């Protein structure tokens, strides 16, 4: 059995899971050329998996403070969409709540309405 091949396949499957990509739908990100907008969704999804919702939200808003692009707005909406799919119990396990999700969406709206 080729260990290197197994590790490569495992990495691809983890990446697909994190990015919710379907089989055959791969996108290669060259880390040398990657922007913060390329890495942000990966970081957020990893933190969601760890139930580190507050840390993820803090990183999100730090990035939005520096870059209020439409791409980052979509990333933010996807982040809150992911949290909305969680039960209150799951959110509580990560020291978060639905109320904080709604507040984050309000803060997001205020941030982008100010920039418009």
PDB file of N, CA and C in Angstrom:
ATOM      1  N   UNK A   1       0.845  -1.182   0.000  1.00  0.00           N
ATOM      2  CA  UNK A   1       0.000   0.000   0.000  1.00  0.00           C
ATOM      3  C   UNK A   1       0.891   1.246   0.000  1.00  0.00           C
ATOM      4  N   UNK A   2       0.575   2.214  -0.833  1.00  0.00           N
ATOM      5  CA  UNK A   2       1.358   3.422  -0.947  1.00  0.00           C
ATOM      6  C   UNK A   2       0.848   4.470   0.044  1.00  0.00           C
ATOM      7  N   UNK A   3       1.619   4.734   1.084  1.00  0.00           N
ATOM      8  CA  UNK A   3       1.227   5.676   2.141  1.00  0.00           C
ATOM      9  C   UNK A   3       1.047   7.086   1.587  1.00  0.00           C
ATOM     10  N   UNK A   4       1.960   7.501   0.711  1.00  0.00           N
ATOM     11  CA  UNK A   4       1.879   8.855   0.151  1.00  0.00           C
ATOM     12  C   UNK A   4       0.565   9.051  -0.618  1.00  0.00           C
ATOM     13  N   UNK A   5       0.164   8.038  -1.373  1.00  0.00           N
ATOM     14  CA  UNK A   5      -1.092   8.117  -2.130  1.00  0.00           C
ATOM     15  C   UNK A   5      -2.285   8.191  -1.173  1.00  0.00           C
ATOM     16  N   UNK A   6      -2.258   7.396  -0.105  1.00  0.00           N
ATOM     17  CA  UNK A   6      -3.338   7.425   0.882  1.00  0.00           C
ATOM     18  C   UNK A   6      -3.451   8.789   1.549  1.00  0.00           C
ATOM     19  N   UNK A   7      -2.311   9.371   1.900  1.00  0.00           N
ATOM     20  CA  UNK A   7      -2.309  10.690   2.538  1.00  0.00           C
ATOM     21  C   UNK A   7      -2.859  11.738   1.581  1.00  0.00           C
ATOM     22  N   UNK A   8      -2.454  11.665   0.319  1.00  0.00           N
ATOM     23  CA  UNK A   8      -2.946  12.614  -0.685  1.00  0.00           C
ATOM     24  C   UNK A   8      -4.458  12.502  -0.839  1.00  0.00           C
ATOM     25  N   UNK A   9      -4.958  11.274  -0.939  1.00  0.00           N
ATOM     26  CA  UNK A   9      -6.401  11.063  -1.074  1.00  0.00           C
ATOM     27  C   UNK A   9      -7.157  11.536   0.169  1.00  0.00           C
ATOM     28  N   UNK A  10      -6.592  11.274   1.346  1.00  0.00           N
ATOM     29  CA  UNK A  10      -7.210  11.736   2.586  1.00  0.00           C
ATOM     30  C   UNK A  10      -7.290  13.256   2.603  1.00  0.00           C
ATOM     31  N   UNK A  11      -6.206  13.905   2.197  1.00  0.00           N
ATOM     32  CA  UNK A  11      -6.199  15.367   2.144  1.00  0.00           C
ATOM     33  C   UNK A  11      -7.252  15.912   1.199  1.00  0.00           C
ATOM     34  N   UNK A  12      -7.394  15.286   0.039  1.00  0.00           N
ATOM     35  CA  UNK A  12      -8.412  15.720  -0.929  1.00  0.00           C
ATOM     36  C   UNK A  12      -9.810  15.562  -0.342  1.00  0.00           C
ATOM     37  N   UNK A  13     -10.053  14.419   0.307  1.00  0.00           N
ATOM     38  CA  UNK A  13     -11.380  14.177   0.876  1.00  0.00           C
ATOM     39  C   UNK A  13     -11.693  15.136   2.009  1.00  0.00           C
ATOM     40  N   UNK A  14     -10.721  15.442   2.837  1.00  0.00           N
ATOM     41  CA  UNK A  14     -10.931  16.421   3.917  1.00  0.00           C
ATOM     42  C   UNK A  14     -11.230  17.787   3.315  1.00  0.00           C
ATOM     43  N   UNK A  15     -10.464  18.168   2.305  1.00  0.00           N
ATOM     44  CA  UNK A  15     -10.695  19.448   1.645  1.00  0.00           C
ATOM     45  C   UNK A  15     -12.080  19.542   1.034  1.00  0.00           C
ATOM     46  N   UNK A  16     -12.526  18.468   0.398  1.00  0.00           N
ATOM     47  CA  UNK A  16     -13.854  18.451  -0.203  1.00  0.00           C
ATOM     48  C   UNK A  16     -14.930  18.565   0.868  1.00  0.00           C
ATOM     49  N   UNK A  17     -14.698  17.884   1.976  1.00  0.00           N
ATOM     50  CA  UNK A  17     -15.662  17.945   3.074  1.00  0.00           C
ATOM     51  C   UNK A  17     -15.726  19.356   3.637  1.00  0.00           C
ATOM     52  N   UNK A  18     -14.575  19.951   3.886  1.00  0.00           N
ATOM     53  CA  UNK A  18     -14.550  21.298   4.448  1.00  0.00           C
ATOM     54  C   UNK A  18     -15.174  22.322   3.509  1.00  0.00           C
ATOM     55  N   UNK A  19     -14.932  22.165   2.244  1.00  0.00           N
ATOM     56  CA  UNK A  19     -15.419  23.144   1.271  1.00  0.00           C
ATOM     57  C   UNK A  19     -16.749  22.719   0.645  1.00  0.00           C
ATOM     58  N   UNK A  20     -17.302  21.583   1.083  1.00  0.00           N
ATOM     59  CA  UNK A  20     -18.560  21.045   0.553  1.00  0.00           C
ATOM     60  C   UNK A  20     -18.506  20.894  -0.964  1.00  0.00           C
ATOM     61  N   UNK A  21     -17.370  20.411  -1.455  1.00  0.00           N
ATOM     62  CA  UNK A  21     -17.196  20.209  -2.889  1.00  0.00           C
ATOM     63  C   UNK A  21     -17.640  18.802  -3.262  1.00  0.00           C
ATOM     64  N   UNK A  22     -18.163  18.657  -4.467  1.00  0.00           N
ATOM     65  CA  UNK A  22     -18.565  17.348  -4.966  1.00  0.00           C
ATOM     66  C   UNK A  22     -17.373  16.690  -5.645  1.00  0.00           C
ATOM     67  N   UNK A  23     -17.436  15.355  -5.735  1.00  0.00           N
ATOM     68  CA  UNK A  23     -16.372  14.587  -6.390  1.00  0.00           C
ATOM     69  C   UNK A  23     -16.161  15.124  -7.804  1.00  0.00           C
ATOM     70  N   UNK A  24     -14.923  15.262  -8.185  1.00  0.00           N
ATOM     71  CA  UNK A  24     -14.607  15.766  -9.519  1.00  0.00           C
ATOM     72  C   UNK A  24     -14.583  17.281  -9.575  1.00  0.00           C
ATOM     73  N   UNK A  25     -14.966  17.943  -8.527  1.00  0.00           N
ATOM     74  CA  UNK A  25     -14.972  19.396  -8.480  1.00  0.00           C
ATOM     75  C   UNK A  25     -13.838  19.844  -7.574  1.00  0.00           C
ATOM     76  N   UNK A  26     -12.658  19.951  -8.160  1.00  0.00           N
ATOM     77  CA  UNK A  26     -11.504  20.337  -7.359  1.00  0.00           C
ATOM     78  C   UNK A  26     -10.985  21.681  -7.822  1.00  0.00           C
ATOM     79  N   UNK A  27     -10.503  22.424  -6.871  1.00  0.00           N
ATOM     80  CA  UNK A  27      -9.905  23.712  -7.157  1.00  0.00           C
ATOM     81  C   UNK A  27      -8.591  23.753  -6.405  1.00  0.00           C
ATOM     82  N   UNK A  28      -7.521  24.002  -7.133  1.00  0.00           N
ATOM     83  CA  UNK A  28      -6.208  24.044  -6.525  1.00  0.00           C
ATOM     84  C   UNK A  28      -5.918  25.482  -6.138  1.00  0.00           C
ATOM     85  N   UNK A  29      -5.519  25.657  -4.892  1.00  0.00           N
ATOM     86  CA  UNK A  29      -5.131  26.989  -4.428  1.00  0.00           C
ATOM     87  C   UNK A  29      -3.630  26.983  -4.247  1.00  0.00           C
ATOM     88  N   UNK A  30      -2.945  27.817  -4.987  1.00  0.00           N
ATOM     89  CA  UNK A  30      -1.510  27.965  -4.841  1.00  0.00           C
ATOM     90  C   UNK A  30      -1.275  28.862  -3.635  1.00  0.00           C
ATOM     91  N   UNK A  31      -0.706  28.310  -2.581  1.00  0.00           N
ATOM     92  CA  UNK A  31      -0.553  29.056  -1.339  1.00  0.00           C
ATOM     93  C   UNK A  31       0.322  30.296  -1.495  1.00  0.00           C
ATOM     94  N   UNK A  32       1.248  30.269  -2.460  1.00  0.00           N
ATOM     95  CA  UNK A  32       2.084  31.454  -2.685  1.00  0.00           C
ATOM     96  C   UNK A  32       1.251  32.626  -3.180  1.00  0.00           C
ATOM     97  N   UNK A  33       0.230  32.321  -3.959  1.00  0.00           N
ATOM     98  CA  UNK A  33      -0.612  33.361  -4.560  1.00  0.00           C
ATOM     99  C   UNK A  33      -1.943  33.544  -3.829  1.00  0.00           C
ATOM    100  N   UNK A  34      -2.170  32.781  -2.771  1.00  0.00           N
ATOM    101  CA  UNK A  34      -3.457  32.817  -2.072  1.00  0.00           C
ATOM    102  C   UNK A  34      -3.646  34.149  -1.357  1.00  0.00           C
ATOM    103  N   UNK A  35      -4.861  34.647  -1.442  1.00  0.00           N
ATOM    104  CA  UNK A  35      -5.216  35.868  -0.723  1.00  0.00           C
ATOM    105  C   UNK A  35      -5.932  35.480   0.570  1.00  0.00           C
ATOM    106  N   UNK A  36      -6.129  36.461   1.415  1.00  0.00           N
ATOM    107  CA  UNK A  36      -6.858  36.177   2.651  1.00  0.00           C
ATOM    108  C   UNK A  36      -8.280  35.716   2.338  1.00  0.00           C
ATOM    109  N   UNK A  37      -8.862  36.197   1.249  1.00  0.00           N
ATOM    110  CA  UNK A  37     -10.212  35.766   0.853  1.00  0.00           C
ATOM    111  C   UNK A  37     -10.228  34.317   0.386  1.00  0.00           C
ATOM    112  N   UNK A  38      -9.097  33.812  -0.105  1.00  0.00           N
ATOM    113  CA  UNK A  38      -9.005  32.408  -0.482  1.00  0.00           C
ATOM    114  C   UNK A  38      -8.938  31.526   0.762  1.00  0.00           C
ATOM    115  N   UNK A  39      -8.221  31.983   1.760  1.00  0.00           N
ATOM    116  CA  UNK A  39      -7.984  31.180   2.960  1.00  0.00           C
ATOM    117  C   UNK A  39      -9.080  31.318   4.010  1.00  0.00           C
ATOM    118  N   UNK A  40      -9.769  32.449   4.024  1.00  0.00           N
ATOM    119  CA  UNK A  40     -10.773  32.715   5.051  1.00  0.00           C
ATOM    120  C   UNK A  40     -11.839  31.622   5.171  1.00  0.00           C
ATOM    121  N   UNK A  41     -12.454  31.178   4.078  1.00  0.00           N
ATOM    122  CA  UNK A  41     -13.485  30.135   4.233  1.00  0.00           C
ATOM    123  C   UNK A  41     -12.920  28.833   4.799  1.00  0.00           C
ATOM    124  N   UNK A  42     -11.691  28.511   4.450  1.00  0.00           N
ATOM    125  CA  UNK A  42     -11.068  27.290   4.957  1.00  0.00           C
ATOM    126  C   UNK A  42     -10.853  27.401   6.462  1.00  0.00           C
ATOM    127  N   UNK A  43     -10.344  28.544   6.885  1.00  0.00           N
ATOM    128  CA  UNK A  43     -10.103  28.773   8.318  1.00  0.00           C
ATOM    129  C   UNK A  43     -11.418  28.720   9.086  1.00  0.00           C
ATOM    130  N   UNK A  44     -12.435  29.401   8.573  1.00  0.00           N
ATOM    131  CA  UNK A  44     -13.728  29.436   9.256  1.00  0.00           C
ATOM    132  C   UNK A  44     -14.340  28.047   9.361  1.00  0.00           C
ATOM    133  N   UNK A  45     -14.297  27.284   8.279  1.00  0.00           N
ATOM    134  CA  UNK A  45     -14.878  25.934   8.312  1.00  0.00           C
ATOM    135  C   UNK A  45     -14.131  25.040   9.299  1.00  0.00           C
ATOM    136  N   UNK A  46     -12.820  25.189   9.357  1.00  0.00           N
ATOM    137  CA  UNK A  46     -12.047  24.414  10.325  1.00  0.00           C
ATOM    138  C   UNK A  46     -12.420  24.758  11.753  1.00  0.00           C
ATOM    139  N   UNK A  47     -12.603  26.045  12.025  1.00  0.00           N
ATOM    140  CA  UNK A  47     -12.982  26.469  13.369  1.00  0.00           C
ATOM    141  C   UNK A  47     -14.403  26.041  13.717  1.00  0.00           C
ATOM    142  N   UNK A  48     -15.286  26.032  12.732  1.00  0.00           N
ATOM    143  CA  UNK A  48     -16.654  25.544  12.962  1.00  0.00           C
ATOM    144  C   UNK A  48     -16.610  24.071  13.352  1.00  0.00           C
ATOM    145  N   UNK A  49     -15.786  23.291  12.659  1.00  0.00           N
ATOM    146  CA  UNK A  49     -15.662  21.871  12.988  1.00  0.00           C
ATOM    147  C   UNK A  49     -15.159  21.662  14.416  1.00  0.00           C
ATOM    148  N   UNK A  50     -14.329  22.588  14.892  1.00  0.00           N
ATOM    149  CA  UNK A  50     -13.795  22.507  16.256  1.00  0.00           C
ATOM    150  C   UNK A  50     -14.737  23.140  17.281  1.00  0.00           C
ATOM    151  N   UNK A  51     -15.861  23.666  16.792  1.00  0.00           N
ATOM    152  CA  UNK A  51     -16.833  24.382  17.634  1.00  0.00           C
ATOM    153  C   UNK A  51     -16.224  25.623  18.278  1.00  0.00           C
ATOM    154  N   UNK A  52     -15.283  26.239  17.582  1.00  0.00           N
ATOM    155  CA  UNK A  52     -14.660  27.484  18.033  1.00  0.00           C
ATOM    156  C   UNK A  52     -15.350  28.652  17.329  1.00  0.00           C
ATOM    157  N   UNK A  53     -16.647  28.779  17.600  1.00  0.00           N
ATOM    158  CA  UNK A  53     -17.469  29.753  16.878  1.00  0.00           C
ATOM    159  C   UNK A  53     -17.061  31.198  17.175  1.00  0.00           C
ATOM    160  N   UNK A  54     -16.752  31.504  18.426  1.00  0.00           N
ATOM    161  CA  UNK A  54     -16.349  32.874  18.761  1.00  0.00           C
ATOM    162  C   UNK A  54     -15.047  33.250  18.078  1.00  0.00           C
ATOM    163  N   UNK A  55     -14.089  32.341  18.089  1.00  0.00           N
ATOM    164  CA  UNK A  55     -12.810  32.605  17.432  1.00  0.00           C
ATOM    165  C   UNK A  55     -13.021  32.825  15.944  1.00  0.00           C
ATOM    166  N   UNK A  56     -13.865  31.993  15.328  1.00  0.00           N
ATOM    167  CA  UNK A  56     -14.159  32.129  13.903  1.00  0.00           C
ATOM    168  C   UNK A  56     -14.790  33.485  13.609  1.00  0.00           C
ATOM    169  N   UNK A  57     -15.749  33.877  14.439  1.00  0.00           N
ATOM    170  CA  UNK A  57     -16.422  35.163  14.226  1.00  0.00           C
ATOM    171  C   UNK A  57     -15.436  36.315  14.396  1.00  0.00           C
ATOM    172  N   UNK A  58     -14.551  36.218  15.364  1.00  0.00           N
ATOM    173  CA  UNK A  58     -13.546  37.277  15.561  1.00  0.00           C
ATOM    174  C   UNK A  58     -12.624  37.403  14.357  1.00  0.00           C
ATOM    175  N   UNK A  59     -12.186  36.268  13.819  1.00  0.00           N
ATOM    176  CA  UNK A  59     -11.330  36.278  12.633  1.00  0.00           C
ATOM    177  C   UNK A  59     -12.094  36.859  11.442  1.00  0.00           C
ATOM    178  N   UNK A  60     -13.348  36.463  11.299  1.00  0.00           N
ATOM    179  CA  UNK A  60     -14.175  36.974  10.210  1.00  0.00           C
ATOM    180  C   UNK A  60     -14.268  38.499  10.262  1.00  0.00           C
ATOM    181  N   UNK A  61     -14.616  39.040  11.421  1.00  0.00           N
ATOM    182  CA  UNK A  61     -14.787  40.492  11.498  1.00  0.00           C
ATOM    183  C   UNK A  61     -13.466  41.245  11.411  1.00  0.00           C
ATOM    184  N   UNK A  62     -12.372  40.628  11.830  1.00  0.00           N
ATOM    185  CA  UNK A  62     -11.063  41.262  11.645  1.00  0.00           C
ATOM    186  C   UNK A  62     -10.758  41.377  10.154  1.00  0.00           C
ATOM    187  N   UNK A  63     -11.049  40.321   9.414  1.00  0.00           N
ATOM    188  CA  UNK A  63     -10.832  40.352   7.973  1.00  0.00           C
ATOM    189  C   UNK A  63     -11.772  41.355   7.301  1.00  0.00           C
ATOM    190  N   UNK A  64     -13.025  41.397   7.744  1.00  0.00           N
ATOM    191  CA  UNK A  64     -13.979  42.346   7.163  1.00  0.00           C
ATOM    192  C   UNK A  64     -13.582  43.789   7.462  1.00  0.00           C
ATOM    193  N   UNK A  65     -12.965  44.004   8.597  1.00  0.00           N
ATOM    194  CA  UNK A  65     -12.484  45.349   8.949  1.00  0.00           C
ATOM    195  C   UNK A  65     -11.436  45.811   7.933  1.00  0.00           C
ATOM    196  N   UNK A  66     -10.636  44.859   7.453  1.00  0.00           N
ATOM    197  CA  UNK A  66      -9.568  45.172   6.503  1.00  0.00           C
ATOM    198  C   UNK A  66     -10.030  45.115   5.051  1.00  0.00           C
ATOM    199  N   UNK A  67     -11.085  44.350   4.781  1.00  0.00           N
ATOM    200  CA  UNK A  67     -11.486  44.134   3.398  1.00  0.00           C
ATOM    201  C   UNK A  67     -12.981  43.840   3.320  1.00  0.00           C
ATOM    202  N   UNK A  68     -13.760  44.858   2.968  1.00  0.00           N
ATOM    203  CA  UNK A  68     -15.214  44.692   2.867  1.00  0.00           C
ATOM    204  C   UNK A  68     -15.640  44.437   1.416  1.00  0.00           C
ATOM    205  N   UNK A  69     -14.966  43.476   0.795  1.00  0.00           N
ATOM    206  CA  UNK A  69     -15.316  43.125  -0.589  1.00  0.00           C
ATOM    207  C   UNK A  69     -16.606  42.315  -0.615  1.00  0.00           C
ATOM    208  N   UNK A  70     -17.212  42.251  -1.775  1.00  0.00           N
ATOM    209  CA  UNK A  70     -18.412  41.434  -1.940  1.00  0.00           C
ATOM    210  C   UNK A  70     -18.097  39.957  -1.735  1.00  0.00           C
ATOM    211  N   UNK A  71     -16.886  39.551  -2.090  1.00  0.00           N
ATOM    212  CA  UNK A  71     -16.469  38.164  -1.880  1.00  0.00           C
ATOM    213  C   UNK A  71     -16.460  37.843  -0.380  1.00  0.00           C
ATOM    214  N   UNK A  72     -15.925  38.752   0.431  1.00  0.00           N
ATOM    215  CA  UNK A  72     -15.903  38.529   1.879  1.00  0.00           C
ATOM    216  C   UNK A  72     -17.301  38.614   2.484  1.00  0.00           C
ATOM    217  N   UNK A  73     -18.162  39.423   1.889  1.00  0.00           N
ATOM    218  CA  UNK A  73     -19.548  39.494   2.349  1.00  0.00           C
ATOM    219  C   UNK A  73     -20.227  38.132   2.152  1.00  0.00           C
ATOM    220  N   UNK A  74     -19.986  37.514   0.986  1.00  0.00           N
ATOM    221  CA  UNK A  74     -20.557  36.191   0.714  1.00  0.00           C
ATOM    222  C   UNK A  74     -19.974  35.156   1.667  1.00  0.00           C
ATOM    223  N   UNK A  75     -18.694  35.235   1.939  1.00  0.00           N
ATOM    224  CA  UNK A  75     -18.057  34.309   2.885  1.00  0.00           C
ATOM    225  C   UNK A  75     -18.710  34.457   4.257  1.00  0.00           C
ATOM    226  N   UNK A  76     -18.968  35.694   4.659  1.00  0.00           N
ATOM    227  CA  UNK A  76     -19.607  35.959   5.957  1.00  0.00           C
ATOM    228  C   UNK A  76     -21.015  35.383   5.998  1.00  0.00           C
ATOM    229  N   UNK A  77     -21.765  35.581   4.924  1.00  0.00           N
ATOM    230  CA  UNK A  77     -23.120  35.020   4.875  1.00  0.00           C
ATOM    231  C   UNK A  77     -23.086  33.494   4.944  1.00  0.00           C
ATOM    232  N   UNK A  78     -22.132  32.892   4.245  1.00  0.00           N
ATOM    233  CA  UNK A  78     -21.987  31.433   4.289  1.00  0.00           C
ATOM    234  C   UNK A  78     -21.637  30.966   5.704  1.00  0.00           C
ATOM    235  N   UNK A  79     -20.798  31.734   6.387  1.00  0.00           N
ATOM    236  CA  UNK A  79     -20.417  31.410   7.763  1.00  0.00           C
ATOM    237  C   UNK A  79     -21.657  31.390   8.659  1.00  0.00           C
ATOM    238  N   UNK A  80     -22.451  32.454   8.598  1.00  0.00           N
ATOM    239  CA  UNK A  80     -23.647  32.516   9.443  1.00  0.00           C
ATOM    240  C   UNK A  80     -24.700  31.500   9.017  1.00  0.00           C
ATOM    241  N   UNK A  81     -24.736  31.207   7.727  1.00  0.00           N
ATOM    242  CA  UNK A  81     -25.637  30.156   7.236  1.00  0.00           C
ATOM    243  C   UNK A  81     -25.263  28.811   7.863  1.00  0.00           C
ATOM    244  N   UNK A  82     -23.975  28.535   7.936  1.00  0.00           N
ATOM    245  CA  UNK A  82     -23.498  27.297   8.569  1.00  0.00           C
ATOM    246  C   UNK A  82     -23.887  27.244  10.039  1.00  0.00           C
ATOM    247  N   UNK A  83     -23.793  28.380  10.714  1.00  0.00           N
ATOM    248  CA  UNK A  83     -24.151  28.418  12.132  1.00  0.00           C
ATOM    249  C   UNK A  83     -25.658  28.270  12.330  1.00  0.00           C
ATOM    250  N   UNK A  84     -26.447  28.803  11.403  1.00  0.00           N
ATOM    251  CA  UNK A  84     -27.897  28.691  11.510  1.00  0.00           C
ATOM    252  C   UNK A  84     -28.347  27.234  11.390  1.00  0.00           C
ATOM    253  N   UNK A  85     -27.560  26.420  10.702  1.00  0.00           N
ATOM    254  CA  UNK A  85     -27.893  24.997  10.548  1.00  0.00           C
ATOM    255  C   UNK A  85     -27.637  24.214  11.837  1.00  0.00           C
ATOM    256  N   UNK A  86     -26.873  24.809  12.755  1.00  0.00           N
ATOM    257  CA  UNK A  86     -26.561  24.136  14.020  1.00  0.00           C
ATOM    258  C   UNK A  86     -27.733  24.282  14.985  1.00  0.00           C
ATOM    259  N   UNK A  87     -27.888  23.277  15.830  1.00  0.00           N
ATOM    260  CA  UNK A  87     -28.907  23.364  16.872  1.00  0.00           C
ATOM    261  C   UNK A  87     -28.401  24.291  17.971  1.00  0.00           C
ATOM    262  N   UNK A  88     -29.322  24.755  18.789  1.00  0.00           N
ATOM    263  CA  UNK A  88     -28.931  25.604  19.924  1.00  0.00           C
ATOM    264  C   UNK A  88     -27.950  24.850  20.820  1.00  0.00           C
ATOM    265  N   UNK A  89     -28.183  23.546  20.969  1.00  0.00           N
ATOM    266  CA  UNK A  89     -27.296  22.721  21.803  1.00  0.00           C
ATOM    267  C   UNK A  89     -25.875  22.682  21.237  1.00  0.00           C
ATOM    268  N   UNK A  90     -25.763  22.495  19.914  1.00  0.00           N
ATOM    269  CA  UNK A  90     -24.438  22.485  19.276  1.00  0.00           C
ATOM    270  C   UNK A  90     -23.738  23.827  19.461  1.00  0.00           C
ATOM    271  N   UNK A  91     -24.477  24.898  19.272  1.00  0.00           N
ATOM    272  CA  UNK A  91     -23.891  26.227  19.443  1.00  0.00           C
ATOM    273  C   UNK A  91     -23.451  26.441  20.886  1.00  0.00           C
ATOM    274  N   UNK A  92     -24.277  26.010  21.837  1.00  0.00           N
ATOM    275  CA  UNK A  92     -23.932  26.159  23.250  1.00  0.00           C
ATOM    276  C   UNK A  92     -22.661  25.398  23.604  1.00  0.00           C
ATOM    277  N   UNK A  93     -22.441  24.253  22.957  1.00  0.00           N
ATOM    278  CA  UNK A  93     -21.214  23.486  23.194  1.00  0.00           C
ATOM    279  C   UNK A  93     -19.979  24.289  22.804  1.00  0.00           C
ATOM    280  N   UNK A  94     -20.150  25.205  21.885  1.00  0.00           N
ATOM    281  CA  UNK A  94     -19.062  26.075  21.456  1.00  0.00           C
ATOM    282  C   UNK A  94     -19.166  27.458  22.060  1.00  0.00           C
ATOM    283  N   UNK A  95     -19.929  27.583  23.157  1.00  0.00           N
ATOM    284  CA  UNK A  95     -20.104  28.856  23.860  1.00  0.00           C
ATOM    285  C   UNK A  95     -20.649  29.941  22.923  1.00  0.00           C
ATOM    286  N   UNK A  96     -21.693  29.572  22.165  1.00  0.00           N
ATOM    287  CA  UNK A  96     -22.321  30.479  21.209  1.00  0.00           C
ATOM    288  C   UNK A  96     -23.823  30.249  21.278  1.00  0.00           C
ATOM    289  N   UNK A  97     -24.609  31.093  20.609  1.00  0.00           N
ATOM    290  CA  UNK A  97     -26.059  30.945  20.636  1.00  0.00           C
ATOM    291  C   UNK A  97     -26.654  31.462  19.326  1.00  0.00           C
ATOM    292  N   UNK A  98     -27.911  31.105  19.111  1.00  0.00           N
ATOM    293  CA  UNK A  98     -28.632  31.623  17.933  1.00  0.00           C
ATOM    294  C   UNK A  98     -28.725  33.149  18.009  1.00  0.00           C
ATOM    295  N   UNK A  99     -28.901  33.664  19.224  1.00  0.00           N
ATOM    296  CA  UNK A  99     -28.981  35.115  19.401  1.00  0.00           C
ATOM    297  C   UNK A  99     -27.706  35.792  18.891  1.00  0.00           C
ATOM    298  N   UNK A 100     -26.555  35.165  19.150  1.00  0.00           N
ATOM    299  CA  UNK A 100     -25.294  35.720  18.662  1.00  0.00           C
ATOM    300  C   UNK A 100     -25.189  35.629  17.141  1.00  0.00           C
ATOM    301  N   UNK A 101     -25.784  34.599  16.569  1.00  0.00           N
ATOM    302  CA  UNK A 101     -25.810  34.477  15.107  1.00  0.00           C
ATOM    303  C   UNK A 101     -26.610  35.640  14.530  1.00  0.00           C
ATOM    304  N   UNK A 102     -27.795  35.890  15.088  1.00  0.00           N
ATOM    305  CA  UNK A 102     -28.629  37.001  14.603  1.00  0.00           C
ATOM    306  C   UNK A 102     -27.927  38.348  14.802  1.00  0.00           C
ATOM    307  N   UNK A 103     -27.244  38.514  15.932  1.00  0.00           N
ATOM    308  CA  UNK A 103     -26.517  39.757  16.183  1.00  0.00           C
ATOM    309  C   UNK A 103     -25.373  39.921  15.173  1.00  0.00           C
ATOM    310  N   UNK A 104     -24.688  38.830  14.873  1.00  0.00           N
ATOM    311  CA  UNK A 104     -23.614  38.878  13.882  1.00  0.00           C
ATOM    312  C   UNK A 104     -24.129  39.283  12.506  1.00  0.00           C
ATOM    313  N   UNK A 105     -25.287  38.769  12.140  1.00  0.00           N
ATOM    314  CA  UNK A 105     -25.884  39.153  10.859  1.00  0.00           C
ATOM    315  C   UNK A 105     -26.261  40.635  10.842  1.00  0.00           C
ATOM    316  N   UNK A 106     -26.769  41.132  11.977  1.00  0.00           N
ATOM    317  CA  UNK A 106     -27.086  42.564  12.066  1.00  0.00           C
ATOM    318  C   UNK A 106     -25.823  43.398  11.945  1.00  0.00           C
ATOM    319  N   UNK A 107     -24.762  42.977  12.636  1.00  0.00           N
ATOM    320  CA  UNK A 107     -23.482  43.696  12.571  1.00  0.00           C
ATOM    321  C   UNK A 107     -22.928  43.683  11.150  1.00  0.00           C
ATOM    322  N   UNK A 108     -23.089  42.564  10.470  1.00  0.00           N
ATOM    323  CA  UNK A 108     -22.639  42.435   9.092  1.00  0.00           C
ATOM    324  C   UNK A 108     -23.395  43.405   8.192  1.00  0.00           C
ATOM    325  N   UNK A 109     -24.701  43.465   8.380  1.00  0.00           N
ATOM    326  CA  UNK A 109     -25.526  44.376   7.588  1.00  0.00           C
ATOM    327  C   UNK A 109     -25.117  45.835   7.828  1.00  0.00           C
ATOM    328  N   UNK A 110     -24.890  46.180   9.094  1.00  0.00           N
ATOM    329  CA  UNK A 110     -24.469  47.545   9.407  1.00  0.00           C
ATOM    330  C   UNK A 110     -23.122  47.879   8.767  1.00  0.00           C
ATOM    331  N   UNK A 111     -22.204  46.947   8.826  1.00  0.00           N
ATOM    332  CA  UNK A 111     -20.870  47.163   8.260  1.00  0.00           C
ATOM    333  C   UNK A 111     -20.947  47.403   6.751  1.00  0.00           C
ATOM    334  N   UNK A 112     -21.746  46.602   6.070  1.00  0.00           N
ATOM    335  CA  UNK A 112     -21.810  46.737   4.623  1.00  0.00           C
ATOM    336  C   UNK A 112     -22.708  47.878   4.178  1.00  0.00           C
ATOM    337  N   UNK A 113     -23.690  48.243   4.964  1.00  0.00           N
ATOM    338  CA  UNK A 113     -24.508  49.410   4.613  1.00  0.00           C
ATOM    339  C   UNK A 113     -23.725  50.697   4.798  1.00  0.00           C
ATOM    340  N   UNK A 114     -22.808  50.732   5.750  1.00  0.00           N
ATOM    341  CA  UNK A 114     -21.950  51.910   5.951  1.00  0.00           C
ATOM    342  C   UNK A 114     -21.008  52.087   4.776  1.00  0.00           C
ATOM    343  N   UNK A 115     -20.531  50.977   4.206  1.00  0.00           N
ATOM    344  CA  UNK A 115     -19.555  51.028   3.128  1.00  0.00           C
ATOM    345  C   UNK A 115     -20.210  51.282   1.780  1.00  0.00           C
ATOM    346  N   UNK A 116     -21.530  51.073   1.682  1.00  0.00           N
ATOM    347  CA  UNK A 116     -22.215  51.217   0.389  1.00  0.00           C
ATOM    348  C   UNK A 116     -22.349  52.664  -0.023  1.00  0.00           C
TER     349      UNK A 116
END
